[in-house]
Amino acid sequence: MILQPFQAVLFDLDGVLVDSEELANGVWVELLAEHGLRLDRALFMSRAVGSTHAALFDWLRADYGWEQPEGFLPDLDARLARAFHATPAIEGAADTLVALRRAGLPFAVASNSLRSRLHLKLEAAGLSLLVGEHAYDPAHVQGRGKPLPDLYSYAAERLGVSPTRCLVVEDSVTGVLAGVSAGATVWGLLAGGHIHPDSGAALREAGAVRVLSDHGELRAALGLTVVA
């Protein structure tokens, strides 16, 4: 029995369902260094998680006066694609999606990832068939990614549910702000074994009403059971 009055669950991707952020962070920091900009990995991670490439380039331009050279973006895309072929799922993520499906509770993924990377990561992590067609990226909403509410509002619409009846599961302040702005209830998920730049306190301050430590806790909070 579902314990919460939600009609759908909307998941962020990176850090919530798949563990790709360390892979992406390494590619970015390495390539930036090759083009004359050396950044601390932890610093870059704190800015990158939940962000878009456009926002990252704006930050690099504003804070470091760095402009991407010709050929940077195609090289970045190619390196990220190679890295994301090794994307693992967050522990328990598949069990949660299976349990939601068995309970008849619709779900979707709404991510700031580019569409090609979004599907590559889901495929590599073994979650693509579970998510199916309900995987959405900023291109679905004219590039208006998180922290704007459009992406979560669109995902809810595609599931035929009002955002106000949705649970959003996030691990970044950027994503929490997007879910709250869309009118959804937002829970933070800081799964163990994964580096999250935003603390539970930061997620709560942004509007998350609770913060969970793993998928088992998430399933318990939703009244979901895993069938062996």
Protein backbone atom coordinates (compact mmCIF):
# COMPACT_ATOMS: atom_id res chain seq x y z
CA MET A 1 0.00 0.00 0.00
CA ILE A 2 1.30 3.45 -0.92
CA LEU A 3 1.62 5.51 2.23
CA GLN A 4 1.81 8.93 0.56
CA PRO A 5 -0.89 10.62 -1.55
CA PHE A 6 1.30 10.84 -4.64
CA GLN A 7 0.02 10.03 -8.10
CA ALA A 8 3.47 9.86 -9.70
CA VAL A 9 7.17 9.97 -8.85
CA LEU A 10 9.61 12.12 -10.83
CA PHE A 11 13.29 11.25 -10.50
CA ASP A 12 16.41 13.22 -11.18
CA LEU A 13 18.97 11.00 -12.90
CA ASP A 14 22.56 11.64 -11.83
CA GLY A 15 23.12 10.83 -8.17
CA VAL A 16 19.58 9.51 -7.74
CA LEU A 17 19.32 6.65 -10.24
CA VAL A 18 22.81 6.50 -11.77
CA ASP A 19 26.29 7.36 -10.54
CA SER A 20 27.78 9.25 -13.47
CA GLU A 21 28.87 12.52 -11.88
CA GLU A 22 32.37 11.38 -10.90
CA LEU A 23 32.89 10.16 -14.47
CA ALA A 24 31.74 13.47 -15.95
CA ASN A 25 33.70 15.51 -13.44
CA GLY A 26 36.94 13.73 -14.32
CA VAL A 27 36.42 14.31 -18.05
CA TRP A 28 35.68 18.01 -17.60
CA VAL A 29 38.59 18.74 -15.26
CA GLU A 30 41.05 16.82 -17.43
CA LEU A 31 39.97 18.54 -20.65
CA LEU A 32 39.89 22.01 -19.10
CA ALA A 33 43.46 21.48 -17.86
CA GLU A 34 44.52 20.56 -21.39
CA HIS A 35 43.15 23.93 -22.48
CA GLY A 36 44.91 25.97 -19.82
CA LEU A 37 42.40 26.04 -16.96
CA ARG A 38 43.27 23.95 -13.91
CA LEU A 39 40.42 23.57 -11.44
CA ASP A 40 40.07 21.65 -8.21
CA ARG A 41 37.88 18.58 -8.74
CA ALA A 42 35.75 19.25 -5.66
CA LEU A 43 35.17 22.85 -6.73
CA PHE A 44 34.12 21.84 -10.22
CA MET A 45 31.84 19.11 -8.86
CA SER A 46 30.11 21.62 -6.59
CA ARG A 47 29.22 23.77 -9.59
CA ALA A 48 28.52 21.01 -12.08
CA VAL A 49 26.06 18.75 -10.28
CA GLY A 50 22.54 19.52 -11.41
CA SER A 51 23.74 22.18 -13.83
CA THR A 52 23.68 22.44 -17.62
CA HIS A 53 26.63 22.83 -19.97
CA ALA A 54 25.45 26.33 -20.88
CA ALA A 55 25.44 27.32 -17.21
CA LEU A 56 28.92 25.85 -16.70
CA PHE A 57 30.33 27.75 -19.66
CA ASP A 58 28.73 30.94 -18.32
CA TRP A 59 30.37 30.33 -14.93
CA LEU A 60 33.79 29.64 -16.46
CA ARG A 61 33.51 32.80 -18.52
CA ALA A 62 32.36 34.99 -15.63
CA ASP A 63 34.73 33.71 -12.92
CA TYR A 64 37.82 32.79 -14.93
CA GLY A 65 37.51 34.69 -18.19
CA TRP A 66 37.75 31.32 -19.98
CA GLU A 67 36.15 30.83 -23.36
CA GLN A 68 35.83 27.42 -24.94
CA PRO A 69 38.22 27.05 -27.88
CA GLU A 70 37.24 25.66 -31.24
CA GLY A 71 36.75 21.92 -31.06
CA PHE A 72 36.32 21.83 -27.28
CA LEU A 73 32.66 20.82 -27.27
CA PRO A 74 32.95 17.96 -29.81
CA ASP A 75 35.96 16.62 -27.88
CA LEU A 76 34.05 16.91 -24.61
CA ASP A 77 31.03 15.11 -26.08
CA ALA A 78 33.16 12.26 -27.39
CA ARG A 79 35.01 11.80 -24.09
CA LEU A 80 31.81 11.92 -22.06
CA ALA A 81 30.19 9.34 -24.31
CA ARG A 82 33.12 6.97 -23.77
CA ALA A 83 33.05 7.54 -20.03
CA PHE A 84 29.29 7.09 -19.68
CA HIS A 85 29.42 3.61 -21.19
CA ALA A 86 30.64 2.59 -17.71
CA THR A 87 27.84 4.33 -15.76
CA PRO A 88 26.64 2.19 -12.83
CA ALA A 89 23.19 2.34 -11.27
CA ILE A 90 22.82 3.71 -7.75
CA GLU A 91 22.36 0.76 -5.39
CA GLY A 92 18.70 -0.15 -5.12
CA ALA A 93 17.53 2.10 -7.95
CA ALA A 94 16.31 -0.74 -10.15
CA ASP A 95 14.45 -2.31 -7.21
CA THR A 96 12.66 1.00 -6.62
CA LEU A 97 11.56 1.32 -10.25
CA VAL A 98 10.36 -2.29 -10.34
CA ALA A 99 8.43 -1.79 -7.08
CA LEU A 100 6.80 1.38 -8.42
CA ARG A 101 5.75 -0.43 -11.57
CA ARG A 102 4.26 -3.31 -9.57
CA ALA A 103 2.40 -0.85 -7.36
CA GLY A 104 0.95 0.88 -10.43
CA LEU A 105 2.51 4.24 -9.52
CA PRO A 106 3.73 6.04 -12.68
CA PHE A 107 7.23 7.47 -12.76
CA ALA A 108 9.50 9.46 -15.03
CA VAL A 109 13.05 10.78 -15.20
CA ALA A 110 13.67 14.51 -15.62
CA SER A 111 17.33 15.41 -16.05
CA ASN A 112 19.46 18.35 -17.15
CA SER A 113 21.55 15.88 -19.17
CA LEU A 114 21.63 16.19 -22.92
CA ARG A 115 19.24 13.69 -24.48
CA SER A 116 21.93 11.47 -25.97
CA ARG A 117 23.77 11.26 -22.65
CA LEU A 118 20.57 10.72 -20.69
CA HIS A 119 19.71 7.62 -22.69
CA LEU A 120 23.30 6.40 -22.78
CA LYS A 121 23.53 6.53 -18.99
CA LEU A 122 20.18 4.80 -18.50
CA GLU A 123 21.21 2.07 -20.93
CA ALA A 124 24.63 1.56 -19.35
CA ALA A 125 23.09 1.35 -15.87
CA GLY A 126 20.51 -1.22 -16.98
CA LEU A 127 17.54 1.07 -16.31
CA SER A 128 16.48 2.00 -19.83
CA LEU A 129 13.75 -0.61 -20.22
CA LEU A 130 12.31 0.20 -16.80
CA VAL A 131 12.09 3.94 -17.53
CA GLY A 132 10.87 3.44 -21.09
CA GLU A 133 9.69 6.54 -22.94
CA HIS A 134 9.37 8.71 -19.85
CA ALA A 135 12.87 10.18 -19.81
CA TYR A 136 12.92 13.94 -20.33
CA ASP A 137 15.65 16.54 -20.84
CA PRO A 138 15.74 20.32 -21.34
CA ALA A 139 15.27 19.97 -25.10
CA HIS A 140 11.68 18.92 -24.36
CA VAL A 141 11.05 22.36 -22.82
CA GLN A 142 12.95 24.67 -25.18
CA GLY A 143 16.12 24.36 -23.12
CA ARG A 144 14.54 25.59 -19.88
CA GLY A 145 16.28 23.15 -17.54
CA LYS A 146 16.52 23.14 -13.77
CA PRO A 147 16.34 25.20 -11.55
CA LEU A 148 13.38 26.38 -13.66
CA PRO A 149 10.23 24.30 -13.07
CA ASP A 150 9.48 23.55 -16.72
CA LEU A 151 11.13 20.14 -16.90
CA TYR A 152 9.29 18.69 -13.91
CA SER A 153 6.02 20.29 -15.00
CA TYR A 154 6.44 18.73 -18.45
CA ALA A 155 7.26 15.28 -17.03
CA ALA A 156 4.14 15.40 -14.85
CA GLU A 157 2.04 16.45 -17.83
CA ARG A 158 3.35 13.55 -19.89
CA LEU A 159 2.29 11.19 -17.10
CA GLY A 160 -1.15 12.81 -17.01
CA VAL A 161 -0.72 14.05 -13.44
CA SER A 162 -0.69 17.50 -11.87
CA PRO A 163 2.78 18.47 -10.56
CA THR A 164 1.12 19.17 -7.21
CA ARG A 165 0.33 15.47 -6.90
CA CYS A 166 3.89 14.38 -7.74
CA LEU A 167 6.84 13.43 -5.60
CA VAL A 168 10.18 14.68 -6.93
CA VAL A 169 13.33 12.84 -5.81
CA GLU A 170 16.49 14.94 -6.02
CA ASP A 171 20.06 15.16 -4.74
CA SER A 172 20.93 18.77 -5.64
CA VAL A 173 19.72 22.20 -4.57
CA THR A 174 19.23 23.05 -8.25
CA GLY A 175 16.83 20.16 -8.68
CA VAL A 176 15.03 20.75 -5.40
CA LEU A 177 14.35 24.35 -6.44
CA ALA A 178 12.95 23.13 -9.75
CA GLY A 179 10.62 20.64 -8.08
CA VAL A 180 9.40 23.12 -5.50
CA SER A 181 8.79 25.75 -8.19
CA ALA A 182 6.74 23.22 -10.15
CA GLY A 183 4.52 22.73 -7.10
CA ALA A 184 5.64 19.18 -6.31
CA THR A 185 6.58 17.66 -2.98
CA VAL A 186 10.36 17.16 -2.99
CA TRP A 187 12.38 14.59 -1.09
CA GLY A 188 16.15 14.60 -1.05
CA LEU A 189 18.01 11.35 -1.67
CA LEU A 190 21.67 11.26 -0.64
CA ALA A 191 22.56 7.68 -1.46
CA GLY A 192 25.59 6.28 0.29
CA GLY A 193 28.68 5.55 -1.79
CA HIS A 194 28.04 8.56 -4.01
CA ILE A 195 29.52 12.03 -3.57
CA HIS A 196 26.84 14.69 -3.26
CA PRO A 197 28.03 18.32 -3.23
CA ASP A 198 24.87 19.53 -1.46
CA SER A 199 24.20 18.51 2.13
CA GLY A 200 20.91 17.37 3.58
CA ALA A 201 20.63 20.70 5.36
CA ALA A 202 21.08 22.54 2.04
CA LEU A 203 18.38 20.41 0.39
CA ARG A 204 15.97 21.12 3.24
CA GLU A 205 16.71 24.83 3.08
CA ALA A 206 15.90 24.73 -0.64
CA GLY A 207 12.53 23.14 0.09
CA ALA A 208 12.96 19.36 0.44
CA VAL A 209 10.53 18.18 3.13
CA ARG A 210 12.64 15.14 4.03
CA VAL A 211 16.03 13.69 3.16
CA LEU A 212 16.60 9.96 2.73
CA SER A 213 19.85 8.01 2.75
CA ASP A 214 19.19 5.19 0.27
CA HIS A 215 16.62 3.56 -2.00
CA GLY A 216 15.56 1.14 0.70
CA GLU A 217 14.53 4.08 2.86
CA LEU A 218 12.74 5.65 -0.10
CA ARG A 219 10.76 2.47 -0.77
CA ALA A 220 9.84 2.17 2.89
CA ALA A 221 8.66 5.80 2.98
CA LEU A 222 6.43 5.07 -0.02
CA GLY A 223 5.16 1.77 1.35
CA LEU A 224 6.72 -0.17 -1.50
CA THR A 225 7.93 -3.73 -1.19
CA VAL A 226 10.52 -5.58 -3.25
CA VAL A 227 9.44 -8.98 -4.53
CA ALA A 228 12.36 -11.41 -4.66
